């Protein structure tokens, strides 16, 4: 197995664990908490259950970013970022950047406290916001993955 193949395998596995986890949190965990937990306790229940996944997400996003960067470097594919035809490369980097900032900077530095204060005043609206943000991030993630799969096979998702 070459270094590039290993990088791609690790990249895809990391993306599966990361985005698959986001899908599970968004489509299963958040709705289950909404249905089974009183509004004033939802944020706390979400944090308890999501904390294990947050650790996994930090590892898989770091692995995704490092293997992605390695593959771009190894292929000397920097020029793809100057072409609209490779929009999916931009989408992958944007998705990765948003999640990385959320996981490593925004959440730990201030978002958790901000959401906690907001939930104390408006628990239902805060939880709806969390669900909306997760849906938006999942949608962006799935668009990036679909575009990357089609693009890596020489097709453009929007040419159909």
N, C-alpha and C. Protein backbone atom coordinates (compact mmCIF):
# COMPACT_ATOMS: atom_id res chain seq x y z
N UNK A 1 0.86 -1.18 0.00
CA UNK A 1 0.00 0.00 0.00
C UNK A 1 0.90 1.23 0.00
N UNK A 2 0.62 2.14 -0.91
CA UNK A 2 1.42 3.36 -0.98
C UNK A 2 0.99 4.34 0.09
N UNK A 3 1.82 5.34 0.32
CA UNK A 3 1.48 6.37 1.30
C UNK A 3 0.21 7.11 0.92
N UNK A 4 0.01 7.34 -0.37
CA UNK A 4 -1.19 8.06 -0.80
C UNK A 4 -2.45 7.22 -0.56
N UNK A 5 -2.37 5.94 -0.86
CA UNK A 5 -3.53 5.06 -0.63
C UNK A 5 -3.85 5.01 0.85
N UNK A 6 -2.83 4.88 1.68
CA UNK A 6 -3.05 4.87 3.13
C UNK A 6 -3.68 6.18 3.58
N UNK A 7 -3.21 7.30 3.07
CA UNK A 7 -3.79 8.60 3.43
C UNK A 7 -5.25 8.68 3.02
N UNK A 8 -5.57 8.19 1.82
CA UNK A 8 -6.96 8.24 1.37
C UNK A 8 -7.84 7.32 2.20
N UNK A 9 -7.36 6.13 2.51
CA UNK A 9 -8.13 5.20 3.34
C UNK A 9 -8.41 5.82 4.71
N UNK A 10 -7.38 6.35 5.34
CA UNK A 10 -7.57 7.00 6.64
C UNK A 10 -8.50 8.19 6.54
N UNK A 11 -8.38 8.96 5.47
CA UNK A 11 -9.23 10.13 5.25
C UNK A 11 -10.70 9.72 5.17
N UNK A 12 -10.98 8.72 4.35
CA UNK A 12 -12.37 8.27 4.17
C UNK A 12 -12.92 7.67 5.45
N UNK A 13 -12.13 6.86 6.15
CA UNK A 13 -12.60 6.29 7.41
C UNK A 13 -12.89 7.38 8.44
N UNK A 14 -12.03 8.37 8.52
CA UNK A 14 -12.25 9.47 9.46
C UNK A 14 -13.51 10.25 9.11
N UNK A 15 -13.72 10.49 7.81
CA UNK A 15 -14.93 11.21 7.38
C UNK A 15 -16.18 10.39 7.72
N UNK A 16 -16.13 9.09 7.50
CA UNK A 16 -17.28 8.23 7.81
C UNK A 16 -17.62 8.32 9.30
N UNK A 17 -16.61 8.19 10.15
CA UNK A 17 -16.87 8.28 11.60
C UNK A 17 -17.36 9.66 12.01
N UNK A 18 -16.76 10.69 11.45
CA UNK A 18 -17.12 12.06 11.82
C UNK A 18 -18.51 12.42 11.32
N UNK A 19 -18.73 12.35 10.01
CA UNK A 19 -20.02 12.79 9.44
C UNK A 19 -21.13 11.80 9.81
N UNK A 20 -20.79 10.52 9.89
CA UNK A 20 -21.78 9.54 10.35
C UNK A 20 -22.23 9.85 11.77
N UNK A 21 -21.29 10.25 12.61
CA UNK A 21 -21.64 10.63 13.97
C UNK A 21 -22.50 11.88 14.01
N UNK A 22 -22.18 12.84 13.16
CA UNK A 22 -22.99 14.06 13.07
C UNK A 22 -24.41 13.70 12.64
N UNK A 23 -24.52 12.79 11.69
CA UNK A 23 -25.85 12.35 11.22
C UNK A 23 -26.61 11.67 12.36
N UNK A 24 -25.94 10.83 13.12
CA UNK A 24 -26.61 10.15 14.23
C UNK A 24 -27.07 11.14 15.30
N UNK A 25 -26.19 12.08 15.64
CA UNK A 25 -26.56 13.09 16.64
C UNK A 25 -27.76 13.91 16.14
N UNK A 26 -27.71 14.30 14.86
CA UNK A 26 -28.73 15.18 14.29
C UNK A 26 -30.07 14.49 14.10
N UNK A 27 -30.05 13.26 13.59
CA UNK A 27 -31.30 12.59 13.22
C UNK A 27 -31.85 11.65 14.29
N UNK A 28 -31.02 11.25 15.26
CA UNK A 28 -31.48 10.31 16.28
C UNK A 28 -31.40 10.92 17.68
N UNK A 29 -30.22 11.35 18.08
CA UNK A 29 -30.01 11.81 19.45
C UNK A 29 -30.82 13.07 19.79
N UNK A 30 -30.68 14.10 18.97
CA UNK A 30 -31.40 15.35 19.27
C UNK A 30 -32.92 15.16 19.30
N UNK A 31 -33.51 14.48 18.30
CA UNK A 31 -34.97 14.25 18.38
C UNK A 31 -35.38 13.40 19.59
N UNK A 32 -34.57 12.40 19.95
CA UNK A 32 -34.90 11.57 21.11
C UNK A 32 -34.89 12.38 22.40
N UNK A 33 -33.91 13.26 22.53
CA UNK A 33 -33.86 14.12 23.71
C UNK A 33 -35.05 15.06 23.72
N UNK A 34 -35.40 15.62 22.55
CA UNK A 34 -36.56 16.53 22.48
C UNK A 34 -37.84 15.82 22.91
N UNK A 35 -38.02 14.57 22.46
CA UNK A 35 -39.24 13.83 22.79
C UNK A 35 -39.28 13.33 24.23
N UNK A 36 -38.12 13.01 24.81
CA UNK A 36 -38.12 12.34 26.10
C UNK A 36 -37.63 13.14 27.29
N UNK A 37 -37.24 14.39 27.07
CA UNK A 37 -36.67 15.18 28.16
C UNK A 37 -37.39 16.53 28.24
N UNK A 38 -37.75 16.96 29.44
CA UNK A 38 -38.36 18.29 29.58
C UNK A 38 -37.43 19.38 29.05
N UNK A 39 -38.00 20.41 28.51
CA UNK A 39 -37.24 21.48 27.84
C UNK A 39 -36.11 22.02 28.70
N UNK A 40 -36.36 22.21 29.98
CA UNK A 40 -35.34 22.82 30.85
C UNK A 40 -34.14 21.89 31.13
N UNK A 41 -34.25 20.61 30.76
CA UNK A 41 -33.16 19.65 31.00
C UNK A 41 -32.51 19.16 29.70
N UNK A 42 -33.01 19.60 28.57
CA UNK A 42 -32.52 19.09 27.28
C UNK A 42 -31.06 19.42 27.01
N UNK A 43 -30.66 20.65 27.25
CA UNK A 43 -29.28 21.04 26.97
C UNK A 43 -28.31 20.22 27.80
N UNK A 44 -28.64 20.02 29.07
CA UNK A 44 -27.78 19.21 29.94
C UNK A 44 -27.73 17.77 29.44
N UNK A 45 -28.86 17.20 29.09
CA UNK A 45 -28.89 15.83 28.58
C UNK A 45 -28.07 15.71 27.29
N UNK A 46 -28.20 16.70 26.44
CA UNK A 46 -27.45 16.70 25.18
C UNK A 46 -25.95 16.73 25.46
N UNK A 47 -25.50 17.58 26.36
CA UNK A 47 -24.07 17.68 26.67
C UNK A 47 -23.53 16.38 27.26
N UNK A 48 -24.31 15.75 28.12
CA UNK A 48 -23.87 14.48 28.73
C UNK A 48 -23.68 13.42 27.64
N UNK A 49 -24.64 13.30 26.76
CA UNK A 49 -24.59 12.26 25.73
C UNK A 49 -23.61 12.60 24.61
N UNK A 50 -23.48 13.87 24.28
CA UNK A 50 -22.63 14.26 23.17
C UNK A 50 -21.14 14.33 23.54
N UNK A 51 -20.83 14.41 24.82
CA UNK A 51 -19.43 14.61 25.22
C UNK A 51 -18.51 13.50 24.71
N UNK A 52 -18.96 12.26 24.72
CA UNK A 52 -18.14 11.17 24.19
C UNK A 52 -17.93 11.33 22.69
N UNK A 53 -18.98 11.74 22.00
CA UNK A 53 -18.86 11.94 20.56
C UNK A 53 -17.96 13.14 20.25
N UNK A 54 -17.97 14.15 21.08
CA UNK A 54 -17.12 15.33 20.84
C UNK A 54 -15.65 14.93 20.84
N UNK A 55 -15.26 14.04 21.72
CA UNK A 55 -13.88 13.56 21.74
C UNK A 55 -13.55 12.84 20.44
N UNK A 56 -14.43 11.94 20.03
CA UNK A 56 -14.22 11.23 18.76
C UNK A 56 -14.16 12.22 17.60
N UNK A 57 -15.02 13.22 17.62
CA UNK A 57 -15.05 14.21 16.54
C UNK A 57 -13.75 15.00 16.46
N UNK A 58 -13.19 15.33 17.60
CA UNK A 58 -11.92 16.06 17.60
C UNK A 58 -10.82 15.21 16.95
N UNK A 59 -10.81 13.94 17.27
CA UNK A 59 -9.80 13.04 16.69
C UNK A 59 -10.04 12.86 15.19
N UNK A 60 -11.29 12.61 14.79
CA UNK A 60 -11.55 12.35 13.37
C UNK A 60 -11.44 13.60 12.52
N UNK A 61 -11.79 14.77 13.05
CA UNK A 61 -11.60 15.98 12.24
C UNK A 61 -10.12 16.29 12.09
N UNK A 62 -9.35 16.05 13.15
CA UNK A 62 -7.89 16.26 13.04
C UNK A 62 -7.29 15.30 12.01
N UNK A 63 -7.72 14.05 12.03
CA UNK A 63 -7.23 13.06 11.07
C UNK A 63 -7.70 13.41 9.65
N UNK A 64 -8.94 13.84 9.52
CA UNK A 64 -9.46 14.24 8.22
C UNK A 64 -8.65 15.41 7.65
N UNK A 65 -8.42 16.42 8.46
CA UNK A 65 -7.66 17.58 8.00
C UNK A 65 -6.23 17.25 7.65
N UNK A 66 -5.57 16.46 8.48
CA UNK A 66 -4.16 16.15 8.21
C UNK A 66 -4.00 15.26 6.99
N UNK A 67 -4.88 14.27 6.82
CA UNK A 67 -4.78 13.42 5.63
C UNK A 67 -5.19 14.17 4.37
N UNK A 68 -6.18 15.05 4.49
CA UNK A 68 -6.58 15.86 3.33
C UNK A 68 -5.45 16.78 2.89
N UNK A 69 -4.84 17.43 3.84
CA UNK A 69 -3.71 18.31 3.53
C UNK A 69 -2.57 17.51 2.91
N UNK A 70 -2.30 16.34 3.46
CA UNK A 70 -1.23 15.49 2.92
C UNK A 70 -1.52 15.11 1.46
N UNK A 71 -2.77 14.73 1.18
CA UNK A 71 -3.10 14.33 -0.20
C UNK A 71 -2.97 15.49 -1.17
N UNK A 72 -3.41 16.68 -0.77
CA UNK A 72 -3.27 17.85 -1.64
C UNK A 72 -1.79 18.13 -1.87
N UNK A 73 -0.99 18.07 -0.81
CA UNK A 73 0.45 18.29 -0.94
C UNK A 73 1.09 17.21 -1.82
N UNK A 74 0.74 15.96 -1.55
CA UNK A 74 1.34 14.84 -2.28
C UNK A 74 1.02 14.89 -3.77
N UNK A 75 -0.21 15.30 -4.12
CA UNK A 75 -0.62 15.42 -5.53
C UNK A 75 -0.24 16.76 -6.14
N UNK A 76 0.25 17.68 -5.29
CA UNK A 76 0.50 19.05 -5.70
C UNK A 76 -0.76 19.61 -6.39
N UNK A 77 -1.87 19.46 -5.69
CA UNK A 77 -3.19 19.81 -6.24
C UNK A 77 -3.67 21.18 -5.78
N UNK A 78 -2.76 22.06 -5.42
CA UNK A 78 -3.14 23.39 -4.92
C UNK A 78 -3.91 24.19 -5.96
N UNK A 79 -3.62 23.97 -7.25
CA UNK A 79 -4.29 24.73 -8.30
C UNK A 79 -5.78 24.44 -8.37
N UNK A 80 -6.22 23.32 -7.80
CA UNK A 80 -7.65 23.00 -7.78
C UNK A 80 -8.44 24.06 -7.01
N UNK A 81 -7.79 24.72 -6.08
CA UNK A 81 -8.49 25.74 -5.29
C UNK A 81 -8.69 27.04 -6.08
N UNK A 82 -8.13 27.10 -7.26
CA UNK A 82 -8.33 28.26 -8.14
C UNK A 82 -9.39 28.00 -9.20
N UNK A 83 -10.00 26.84 -9.18
CA UNK A 83 -10.95 26.45 -10.21
C UNK A 83 -12.34 26.21 -9.62
N UNK A 84 -13.34 26.85 -10.19
CA UNK A 84 -14.73 26.65 -9.73
C UNK A 84 -15.18 25.21 -9.98
N UNK A 85 -14.58 24.54 -10.94
CA UNK A 85 -14.94 23.15 -11.23
C UNK A 85 -14.61 22.22 -10.07
N UNK A 86 -13.71 22.65 -9.22
CA UNK A 86 -13.37 21.86 -8.04
C UNK A 86 -14.02 22.46 -6.80
N UNK A 87 -15.24 22.94 -6.94
CA UNK A 87 -15.98 23.56 -5.84
C UNK A 87 -16.04 22.64 -4.63
N UNK A 88 -16.06 21.34 -4.88
CA UNK A 88 -16.17 20.36 -3.80
C UNK A 88 -14.93 20.36 -2.91
N UNK A 89 -13.79 20.73 -3.46
CA UNK A 89 -12.59 20.87 -2.62
C UNK A 89 -12.80 22.01 -1.62
N UNK A 90 -13.36 23.11 -2.12
CA UNK A 90 -13.67 24.25 -1.24
C UNK A 90 -14.71 23.84 -0.19
N UNK A 91 -15.72 23.09 -0.63
CA UNK A 91 -16.78 22.65 0.29
C UNK A 91 -16.20 21.75 1.38
N UNK A 92 -15.28 20.87 1.01
CA UNK A 92 -14.66 19.99 2.02
C UNK A 92 -13.87 20.81 3.03
N UNK A 93 -13.08 21.74 2.54
CA UNK A 93 -12.26 22.56 3.45
C UNK A 93 -13.16 23.43 4.33
N UNK A 94 -14.19 24.03 3.74
CA UNK A 94 -15.10 24.87 4.52
C UNK A 94 -15.79 24.06 5.62
N UNK A 95 -16.28 22.88 5.26
CA UNK A 95 -16.94 22.01 6.24
C UNK A 95 -15.97 21.65 7.36
N UNK A 96 -14.77 21.24 6.98
CA UNK A 96 -13.75 20.87 7.96
C UNK A 96 -13.41 22.08 8.85
N UNK A 97 -13.25 23.24 8.25
CA UNK A 97 -12.89 24.44 9.01
C UNK A 97 -13.98 24.82 10.02
N UNK A 98 -15.23 24.77 9.60
CA UNK A 98 -16.34 25.10 10.51
C UNK A 98 -16.34 24.15 11.70
N UNK A 99 -16.27 22.84 11.42
CA UNK A 99 -16.29 21.87 12.51
C UNK A 99 -15.07 22.02 13.41
N UNK A 100 -13.90 22.23 12.82
CA UNK A 100 -12.68 22.36 13.60
C UNK A 100 -12.75 23.58 14.52
N UNK A 101 -13.22 24.70 13.98
CA UNK A 101 -13.38 25.89 14.82
C UNK A 101 -14.40 25.65 15.93
N UNK A 102 -15.50 24.98 15.58
CA UNK A 102 -16.52 24.70 16.60
C UNK A 102 -15.97 23.80 17.70
N UNK A 103 -15.30 22.73 17.31
CA UNK A 103 -14.84 21.73 18.28
C UNK A 103 -13.66 22.19 19.13
N UNK A 104 -12.75 22.95 18.52
CA UNK A 104 -11.51 23.29 19.21
C UNK A 104 -11.48 24.71 19.76
N UNK A 105 -12.32 25.61 19.23
CA UNK A 105 -12.23 27.01 19.63
C UNK A 105 -13.57 27.53 20.18
N UNK A 106 -14.58 27.57 19.35
CA UNK A 106 -15.83 28.24 19.70
C UNK A 106 -16.56 27.57 20.86
N UNK A 107 -16.75 26.24 20.76
CA UNK A 107 -17.46 25.52 21.83
C UNK A 107 -16.75 25.64 23.17
N UNK A 108 -15.48 25.26 23.24
CA UNK A 108 -14.84 25.30 24.57
C UNK A 108 -14.63 26.71 25.13
N UNK A 109 -14.42 27.70 24.27
CA UNK A 109 -14.12 29.03 24.78
C UNK A 109 -15.36 29.81 25.22
N UNK A 110 -16.47 29.67 24.47
CA UNK A 110 -17.62 30.49 24.88
C UNK A 110 -18.99 29.94 24.52
N UNK A 111 -19.11 29.07 23.53
CA UNK A 111 -20.44 28.65 23.08
C UNK A 111 -21.20 27.88 24.15
N UNK A 112 -20.52 26.99 24.86
CA UNK A 112 -21.21 26.21 25.90
C UNK A 112 -21.80 27.13 26.96
N UNK A 113 -21.03 28.12 27.40
CA UNK A 113 -21.54 29.06 28.42
C UNK A 113 -22.68 29.91 27.85
N UNK A 114 -22.52 30.36 26.61
CA UNK A 114 -23.55 31.18 25.98
C UNK A 114 -24.86 30.40 25.84
N UNK A 115 -24.78 29.16 25.38
CA UNK A 115 -25.98 28.35 25.24
C UNK A 115 -26.59 28.04 26.61
N UNK A 116 -25.75 27.82 27.61
CA UNK A 116 -26.25 27.57 28.96
C UNK A 116 -27.05 28.75 29.51
N UNK A 117 -26.52 29.95 29.30
CA UNK A 117 -27.24 31.16 29.75
C UNK A 117 -28.54 31.33 28.97
N UNK A 118 -28.47 31.10 27.67
CA UNK A 118 -29.66 31.26 26.83
C UNK A 118 -30.72 30.21 27.20
N UNK A 119 -30.29 28.98 27.46
CA UNK A 119 -31.22 27.91 27.81
C UNK A 119 -31.89 28.15 29.16
N UNK A 120 -31.21 28.85 30.08
CA UNK A 120 -31.82 29.16 31.37
C UNK A 120 -33.02 30.08 31.20
N UNK A 121 -32.98 30.93 30.17
CA UNK A 121 -34.06 31.89 29.92
C UNK A 121 -35.09 31.33 28.92
N UNK A 122 -34.59 30.68 27.87
CA UNK A 122 -35.46 30.18 26.79
C UNK A 122 -35.02 28.77 26.37
N UNK A 123 -35.33 27.75 27.19
CA UNK A 123 -34.83 26.41 26.90
C UNK A 123 -35.35 25.82 25.58
N UNK A 124 -36.60 26.02 25.29
CA UNK A 124 -37.17 25.46 24.06
C UNK A 124 -36.55 26.09 22.82
N UNK A 125 -36.45 27.41 22.81
CA UNK A 125 -35.87 28.11 21.66
C UNK A 125 -34.38 27.77 21.50
N UNK A 126 -33.68 27.62 22.60
CA UNK A 126 -32.26 27.28 22.54
C UNK A 126 -32.08 25.89 21.94
N UNK A 127 -32.90 24.96 22.36
CA UNK A 127 -32.79 23.60 21.83
C UNK A 127 -33.15 23.56 20.35
N UNK A 128 -34.16 24.33 19.95
CA UNK A 128 -34.50 24.41 18.51
C UNK A 128 -33.33 24.97 17.71
N UNK A 129 -32.64 25.96 18.27
CA UNK A 129 -31.46 26.53 17.61
C UNK A 129 -30.37 25.48 17.44
N UNK A 130 -30.12 24.71 18.49
CA UNK A 130 -29.11 23.65 18.42
C UNK A 130 -29.49 22.63 17.34
N UNK A 131 -30.76 22.25 17.30
CA UNK A 131 -31.20 21.31 16.26
C UNK A 131 -31.04 21.90 14.87
N UNK A 132 -31.40 23.16 14.70
CA UNK A 132 -31.28 23.81 13.39
C UNK A 132 -29.82 23.87 12.95
N UNK A 133 -28.92 24.25 13.87
CA UNK A 133 -27.50 24.32 13.54
C UNK A 133 -26.96 22.95 13.14
N UNK A 134 -27.35 21.92 13.87
CA UNK A 134 -26.90 20.58 13.51
C UNK A 134 -27.43 20.16 12.13
N UNK A 135 -28.67 20.48 11.84
CA UNK A 135 -29.22 20.14 10.51
C UNK A 135 -28.47 20.88 9.40
N UNK A 136 -28.19 22.15 9.63
CA UNK A 136 -27.46 22.93 8.62
C UNK A 136 -26.05 22.36 8.41
N UNK A 137 -25.37 22.02 9.50
CA UNK A 137 -24.02 21.46 9.37
C UNK A 137 -24.05 20.08 8.73
N UNK A 138 -25.06 19.28 9.04
CA UNK A 138 -25.18 17.98 8.39
C UNK A 138 -25.45 18.15 6.90
N UNK A 139 -26.32 19.09 6.54
CA UNK A 139 -26.59 19.35 5.12
C UNK A 139 -25.33 19.78 4.38
N UNK A 140 -24.57 20.69 4.95
CA UNK A 140 -23.32 21.12 4.33
C UNK A 140 -22.36 19.94 4.21
N UNK A 141 -22.28 19.13 5.24
CA UNK A 141 -21.39 17.96 5.24
C UNK A 141 -21.76 16.99 4.14
N UNK A 142 -23.04 16.70 4.01
CA UNK A 142 -23.49 15.74 3.00
C UNK A 142 -23.28 16.28 1.58
N UNK A 143 -23.48 17.58 1.40
CA UNK A 143 -23.21 18.19 0.10
C UNK A 143 -21.72 18.08 -0.24
N UNK A 144 -20.86 18.35 0.74
CA UNK A 144 -19.42 18.24 0.51
C UNK A 144 -19.02 16.81 0.18
N UNK A 145 -19.57 15.84 0.91
CA UNK A 145 -19.25 14.43 0.65
C UNK A 145 -19.74 14.01 -0.73
N UNK A 146 -20.98 14.35 -1.06
CA UNK A 146 -21.53 13.99 -2.38
C UNK A 146 -20.70 14.64 -3.50
N UNK A 147 -20.37 15.90 -3.33
CA UNK A 147 -19.56 16.58 -4.34
C UNK A 147 -18.17 15.97 -4.46
N UNK A 148 -17.58 15.59 -3.33
CA UNK A 148 -16.24 14.99 -3.35
C UNK A 148 -16.25 13.62 -4.02
N UNK A 149 -17.27 12.83 -3.74
CA UNK A 149 -17.35 11.51 -4.38
C UNK A 149 -17.51 11.67 -5.88
N UNK A 150 -18.45 12.51 -6.30
CA UNK A 150 -18.65 12.73 -7.73
C UNK A 150 -17.41 13.36 -8.37
N UNK A 151 -16.85 14.37 -7.71
CA UNK A 151 -15.70 15.07 -8.25
C UNK A 151 -14.46 14.20 -8.35
N UNK A 152 -14.24 13.35 -7.36
CA UNK A 152 -13.06 12.48 -7.41
C UNK A 152 -13.18 11.42 -8.50
N UNK A 153 -14.39 11.21 -9.00
CA UNK A 153 -14.60 10.28 -10.11
C UNK A 153 -14.71 11.00 -11.44
N UNK A 154 -14.44 12.31 -11.42
CA UNK A 154 -14.42 13.09 -12.66
C UNK A 154 -15.73 13.71 -13.04
N UNK A 155 -16.73 13.59 -12.20
CA UNK A 155 -18.05 14.15 -12.50
C UNK A 155 -18.27 15.40 -11.65
N UNK A 156 -19.22 16.21 -12.08
CA UNK A 156 -19.62 17.37 -11.30
C UNK A 156 -21.04 17.11 -10.85
N UNK A 157 -21.27 17.18 -9.57
CA UNK A 157 -22.59 16.91 -8.98
C UNK A 157 -23.68 17.74 -9.66
N UNK A 158 -23.35 18.92 -10.13
CA UNK A 158 -24.35 19.81 -10.70
C UNK A 158 -24.48 19.69 -12.23
N UNK A 159 -23.78 18.74 -12.84
CA UNK A 159 -23.88 18.53 -14.28
C UNK A 159 -25.05 17.62 -14.67
N UNK A 160 -25.72 17.02 -13.71
CA UNK A 160 -26.76 16.06 -14.03
C UNK A 160 -28.00 16.72 -14.52
